[in-house]
């Protein structure tokens, strides 16, 4: 079964659906990342965060997650995240630092 909402890694087009799933701090992050002038580094950091949280690397066409699609999987992942939104945002910031280091190493 193929779902046209299923991609190999977390798609940024899903971000608007992640609004209003947690608190105002989370919504502020998502809103900022949806702005047209947001940096590629910030976008990549969010993708990395969601790939890790959602388990995108282990998802395949026959999995339940793939059959539901990326939008439903991401929403469920964000809703079920046990720690606070502050912890989730700190994980995003750590992912951002990791992406920055990687991009810097590629430019050296």
N, C-alpha and C. Protein backbone atom coordinates (compact mmCIF):
# COMPACT_ATOMS: atom_id res chain seq x y z
N UNK A 1 0.85 -1.18 0.00
CA UNK A 1 0.00 0.00 0.00
C UNK A 1 0.90 1.24 0.00
N UNK A 2 0.62 2.19 -0.85
CA UNK A 2 1.41 3.41 -0.96
C UNK A 2 0.58 4.61 -0.54
N UNK A 3 1.15 5.44 0.29
CA UNK A 3 0.49 6.65 0.75
C UNK A 3 1.27 7.83 0.19
N UNK A 4 0.63 8.72 -0.54
CA UNK A 4 1.34 9.84 -1.15
C UNK A 4 1.83 10.85 -0.13
N UNK A 5 1.45 10.70 1.14
CA UNK A 5 1.93 11.56 2.21
C UNK A 5 3.20 10.99 2.86
N UNK A 6 3.69 9.87 2.35
CA UNK A 6 4.85 9.22 2.94
C UNK A 6 6.10 9.52 2.12
N UNK A 7 7.12 10.02 2.83
CA UNK A 7 8.40 10.32 2.19
C UNK A 7 9.50 9.60 2.94
N UNK A 8 10.71 9.64 2.42
CA UNK A 8 11.82 8.91 3.04
C UNK A 8 12.26 9.53 4.36
N UNK A 9 12.26 10.86 4.44
CA UNK A 9 12.62 11.57 5.66
C UNK A 9 11.55 12.61 5.94
N UNK A 10 11.59 13.16 7.14
CA UNK A 10 10.57 14.14 7.53
C UNK A 10 10.51 15.30 6.53
N UNK A 11 9.34 15.54 5.94
CA UNK A 11 9.19 16.65 4.99
C UNK A 11 8.77 17.94 5.68
N UNK A 12 9.43 19.04 5.33
CA UNK A 12 9.12 20.33 5.95
C UNK A 12 7.68 20.78 5.69
N UNK A 13 7.06 20.28 4.65
CA UNK A 13 5.68 20.66 4.35
C UNK A 13 4.71 20.26 5.46
N UNK A 14 5.13 19.41 6.36
CA UNK A 14 4.29 18.93 7.46
C UNK A 14 4.28 19.92 8.62
N UNK A 15 5.24 20.83 8.67
CA UNK A 15 5.37 21.72 9.83
C UNK A 15 4.09 22.46 10.22
N UNK A 16 3.30 22.99 9.30
CA UNK A 16 2.08 23.69 9.73
C UNK A 16 1.13 22.80 10.55
N UNK A 17 1.19 21.51 10.34
CA UNK A 17 0.31 20.59 11.07
C UNK A 17 0.80 20.33 12.49
N UNK A 18 2.01 20.82 12.81
CA UNK A 18 2.57 20.62 14.14
C UNK A 18 2.24 21.78 15.08
N UNK A 19 1.57 22.78 14.57
CA UNK A 19 1.12 23.90 15.40
C UNK A 19 -0.03 23.45 16.30
N UNK A 20 -0.12 24.05 17.46
CA UNK A 20 -1.20 23.82 18.42
C UNK A 20 -1.25 22.38 18.95
N UNK A 21 -0.09 21.70 18.91
CA UNK A 21 -0.04 20.36 19.50
C UNK A 21 0.58 20.38 20.89
N UNK A 22 1.26 21.49 21.21
CA UNK A 22 1.90 21.64 22.51
C UNK A 22 1.60 23.03 23.04
N UNK A 23 2.57 23.68 23.64
CA UNK A 23 2.33 25.00 24.23
C UNK A 23 2.78 26.14 23.30
N UNK A 24 2.68 27.36 23.80
CA UNK A 24 3.00 28.56 23.01
C UNK A 24 4.47 28.60 22.60
N UNK A 25 5.35 28.09 23.46
CA UNK A 25 6.78 28.08 23.13
C UNK A 25 7.06 27.21 21.91
N UNK A 26 6.41 26.05 21.85
CA UNK A 26 6.53 25.16 20.70
C UNK A 26 5.96 25.83 19.45
N UNK A 27 4.79 26.43 19.59
CA UNK A 27 4.17 27.12 18.45
C UNK A 27 5.06 28.25 17.93
N UNK A 28 5.75 28.95 18.83
CA UNK A 28 6.65 30.03 18.41
C UNK A 28 7.80 29.48 17.58
N UNK A 29 8.35 28.34 17.99
CA UNK A 29 9.43 27.72 17.22
C UNK A 29 8.94 27.32 15.83
N UNK A 30 7.83 26.63 15.77
CA UNK A 30 7.30 26.18 14.48
C UNK A 30 6.99 27.38 13.59
N UNK A 31 6.35 28.39 14.14
CA UNK A 31 6.01 29.59 13.37
C UNK A 31 7.26 30.26 12.81
N UNK A 32 8.30 30.35 13.63
CA UNK A 32 9.55 30.97 13.18
C UNK A 32 10.19 30.15 12.06
N UNK A 33 10.16 28.83 12.19
CA UNK A 33 10.78 27.97 11.19
C UNK A 33 10.01 27.94 9.88
N UNK A 34 8.77 28.39 9.89
CA UNK A 34 7.99 28.44 8.66
C UNK A 34 8.16 29.75 7.90
N UNK A 35 8.86 30.71 8.49
CA UNK A 35 9.08 31.99 7.81
C UNK A 35 9.94 31.80 6.58
N UNK A 36 9.71 32.60 5.54
CA UNK A 36 10.47 32.42 4.30
C UNK A 36 11.96 32.71 4.42
N UNK A 37 12.37 33.50 5.40
CA UNK A 37 13.78 33.86 5.52
C UNK A 37 14.55 33.00 6.53
N UNK A 38 13.97 31.90 6.98
CA UNK A 38 14.64 31.03 7.93
C UNK A 38 15.83 30.36 7.22
N UNK A 39 16.90 30.15 7.97
CA UNK A 39 18.11 29.61 7.36
C UNK A 39 17.96 28.11 7.06
N UNK A 40 18.75 27.68 6.09
CA UNK A 40 18.78 26.27 5.74
C UNK A 40 19.25 25.43 6.92
N UNK A 41 20.18 25.96 7.68
CA UNK A 41 20.69 25.26 8.86
C UNK A 41 19.56 24.99 9.85
N UNK A 42 18.72 25.98 10.09
CA UNK A 42 17.60 25.81 11.02
C UNK A 42 16.60 24.77 10.50
N UNK A 43 16.34 24.80 9.20
CA UNK A 43 15.44 23.82 8.61
C UNK A 43 16.01 22.41 8.72
N UNK A 44 17.29 22.28 8.40
CA UNK A 44 17.94 20.96 8.48
C UNK A 44 17.94 20.45 9.92
N UNK A 45 18.15 21.35 10.87
CA UNK A 45 18.15 20.95 12.29
C UNK A 45 16.78 20.42 12.69
N UNK A 46 15.73 21.04 12.21
CA UNK A 46 14.39 20.57 12.55
C UNK A 46 14.11 19.23 11.89
N UNK A 47 14.53 19.08 10.65
CA UNK A 47 14.38 17.79 9.98
C UNK A 47 15.12 16.71 10.76
N UNK A 48 16.35 17.00 11.16
CA UNK A 48 17.13 16.03 11.93
C UNK A 48 16.42 15.67 13.23
N UNK A 49 15.91 16.66 13.93
CA UNK A 49 15.17 16.40 15.16
C UNK A 49 14.00 15.46 14.91
N UNK A 50 13.20 15.77 13.92
CA UNK A 50 12.00 14.97 13.65
C UNK A 50 12.37 13.57 13.13
N UNK A 51 13.43 13.45 12.35
CA UNK A 51 13.87 12.14 11.87
C UNK A 51 14.24 11.26 13.05
N UNK A 52 14.94 11.84 13.99
CA UNK A 52 15.34 11.07 15.18
C UNK A 52 14.16 10.72 16.06
N UNK A 53 13.28 11.69 16.31
CA UNK A 53 12.14 11.43 17.18
C UNK A 53 11.15 10.44 16.57
N UNK A 54 10.91 10.60 15.28
CA UNK A 54 9.90 9.77 14.61
C UNK A 54 10.42 8.43 14.14
N UNK A 55 11.74 8.29 14.08
CA UNK A 55 12.30 7.04 13.60
C UNK A 55 12.18 6.88 12.09
N UNK A 56 12.31 7.98 11.37
CA UNK A 56 12.16 7.94 9.91
C UNK A 56 13.12 6.97 9.23
N UNK A 57 14.31 6.81 9.79
CA UNK A 57 15.32 5.95 9.17
C UNK A 57 14.84 4.50 9.11
N UNK A 58 14.07 4.09 10.09
CA UNK A 58 13.60 2.70 10.13
C UNK A 58 12.21 2.51 9.52
N UNK A 59 11.64 3.57 9.02
CA UNK A 59 10.31 3.48 8.41
C UNK A 59 10.44 2.88 7.01
N UNK A 60 9.52 2.03 6.64
CA UNK A 60 9.52 1.48 5.28
C UNK A 60 8.09 1.38 4.78
N UNK A 61 7.95 1.13 3.53
CA UNK A 61 6.65 1.18 2.85
C UNK A 61 5.61 0.26 3.50
N UNK A 62 6.05 -0.80 4.14
CA UNK A 62 5.12 -1.75 4.75
C UNK A 62 4.81 -1.45 6.22
N UNK A 63 5.45 -0.44 6.78
CA UNK A 63 5.24 -0.15 8.19
C UNK A 63 3.92 0.59 8.41
N UNK A 64 3.43 0.45 9.63
CA UNK A 64 2.18 1.13 10.00
C UNK A 64 2.33 2.64 9.85
N UNK A 65 3.49 3.16 10.27
CA UNK A 65 3.73 4.61 10.17
C UNK A 65 3.66 5.07 8.72
N UNK A 66 4.28 4.33 7.83
CA UNK A 66 4.28 4.72 6.41
C UNK A 66 2.87 4.67 5.83
N UNK A 67 2.10 3.71 6.25
CA UNK A 67 0.72 3.61 5.75
C UNK A 67 -0.12 4.79 6.22
N UNK A 68 0.17 5.31 7.41
CA UNK A 68 -0.56 6.48 7.93
C UNK A 68 -0.08 7.77 7.28
N UNK A 69 1.20 7.81 6.94
CA UNK A 69 1.76 9.00 6.30
C UNK A 69 2.57 9.85 7.27
N UNK A 70 3.42 10.69 6.70
CA UNK A 70 4.33 11.52 7.50
C UNK A 70 3.58 12.53 8.38
N UNK A 71 2.50 13.08 7.89
CA UNK A 71 1.77 14.08 8.67
C UNK A 71 1.24 13.48 9.96
N UNK A 72 0.56 12.36 9.88
CA UNK A 72 0.00 11.73 11.07
C UNK A 72 1.09 11.22 12.00
N UNK A 73 2.16 10.68 11.43
CA UNK A 73 3.27 10.18 12.24
C UNK A 73 3.91 11.33 13.02
N UNK A 74 4.19 12.44 12.36
CA UNK A 74 4.82 13.59 13.02
C UNK A 74 3.92 14.16 14.11
N UNK A 75 2.64 14.28 13.82
CA UNK A 75 1.71 14.81 14.83
C UNK A 75 1.69 13.90 16.05
N UNK A 76 1.64 12.62 15.83
CA UNK A 76 1.62 11.67 16.94
C UNK A 76 2.93 11.73 17.72
N UNK A 77 4.04 11.85 17.04
CA UNK A 77 5.34 11.94 17.70
C UNK A 77 5.41 13.16 18.60
N UNK A 78 4.99 14.31 18.10
CA UNK A 78 5.04 15.54 18.89
C UNK A 78 4.08 15.46 20.07
N UNK A 79 2.89 14.94 19.84
CA UNK A 79 1.91 14.81 20.93
C UNK A 79 2.40 13.88 22.04
N UNK A 80 3.03 12.79 21.64
CA UNK A 80 3.44 11.76 22.61
C UNK A 80 4.78 12.04 23.27
N UNK A 81 5.47 13.08 22.86
CA UNK A 81 6.76 13.38 23.46
C UNK A 81 6.55 13.64 24.95
N UNK A 82 7.20 12.85 25.79
CA UNK A 82 6.91 12.85 27.22
C UNK A 82 7.44 14.07 27.97
N UNK A 83 8.60 14.57 27.57
CA UNK A 83 9.21 15.69 28.29
C UNK A 83 8.50 17.00 27.92
N UNK A 84 8.97 18.07 28.51
CA UNK A 84 8.35 19.38 28.27
C UNK A 84 8.71 19.92 26.88
N UNK A 85 7.97 20.92 26.47
CA UNK A 85 8.28 21.59 25.21
C UNK A 85 9.66 22.23 25.27
N UNK A 86 10.03 22.72 26.44
CA UNK A 86 11.37 23.31 26.62
C UNK A 86 12.43 22.27 26.31
N UNK A 87 12.25 21.02 26.78
CA UNK A 87 13.19 19.94 26.49
C UNK A 87 13.23 19.64 25.00
N UNK A 88 12.08 19.65 24.38
CA UNK A 88 11.99 19.40 22.94
C UNK A 88 12.74 20.49 22.16
N UNK A 89 12.58 21.73 22.58
CA UNK A 89 13.26 22.84 21.92
C UNK A 89 14.76 22.77 22.17
N UNK A 90 15.15 22.32 23.34
CA UNK A 90 16.58 22.13 23.61
C UNK A 90 17.16 21.04 22.72
N UNK A 91 16.39 20.01 22.45
CA UNK A 91 16.84 18.97 21.51
C UNK A 91 17.00 19.56 20.11
N UNK A 92 16.08 20.44 19.74
CA UNK A 92 16.20 21.14 18.45
C UNK A 92 17.50 21.96 18.41
N UNK A 93 17.77 22.70 19.49
CA UNK A 93 18.98 23.53 19.55
C UNK A 93 20.24 22.66 19.45
N UNK A 94 20.22 21.50 20.08
CA UNK A 94 21.36 20.58 19.99
C UNK A 94 21.52 20.07 18.56
N UNK A 95 20.41 19.78 17.90
CA UNK A 95 20.46 19.35 16.50
C UNK A 95 21.01 20.47 15.62
N UNK A 96 20.63 21.70 15.94
CA UNK A 96 21.11 22.85 15.18
C UNK A 96 22.63 22.98 15.31
N UNK A 97 23.14 22.82 16.52
CA UNK A 97 24.59 22.89 16.72
C UNK A 97 25.29 21.78 15.94
N UNK A 98 24.70 20.61 15.95
CA UNK A 98 25.27 19.47 15.22
C UNK A 98 25.32 19.75 13.72
N UNK A 99 24.25 20.31 13.18
CA UNK A 99 24.20 20.65 11.76
C UNK A 99 25.22 21.74 11.44
N UNK A 100 25.31 22.74 12.30
CA UNK A 100 26.29 23.82 12.09
C UNK A 100 27.71 23.27 12.06
N UNK A 101 28.04 22.39 13.00
CA UNK A 101 29.36 21.78 13.02
C UNK A 101 29.63 20.97 11.76
N UNK A 102 28.64 20.23 11.34
CA UNK A 102 28.80 19.42 10.13
C UNK A 102 29.03 20.32 8.91
N UNK A 103 28.20 21.34 8.76
CA UNK A 103 28.34 22.24 7.61
C UNK A 103 29.68 22.97 7.65
N UNK A 104 30.11 23.35 8.82
CA UNK A 104 31.42 24.02 8.95
C UNK A 104 32.54 23.07 8.54
N UNK A 105 32.46 21.83 8.97
CA UNK A 105 33.51 20.85 8.62
C UNK A 105 33.55 20.59 7.10
N UNK A 106 32.42 20.70 6.46
CA UNK A 106 32.36 20.50 5.00
C UNK A 106 32.96 21.67 4.25
N UNK A 107 32.93 22.87 4.87
CA UNK A 107 33.46 24.07 4.23
C UNK A 107 34.93 24.28 4.50
N UNK A 108 35.49 23.55 5.47
CA UNK A 108 36.91 23.72 5.81
C UNK A 108 37.81 22.96 4.87
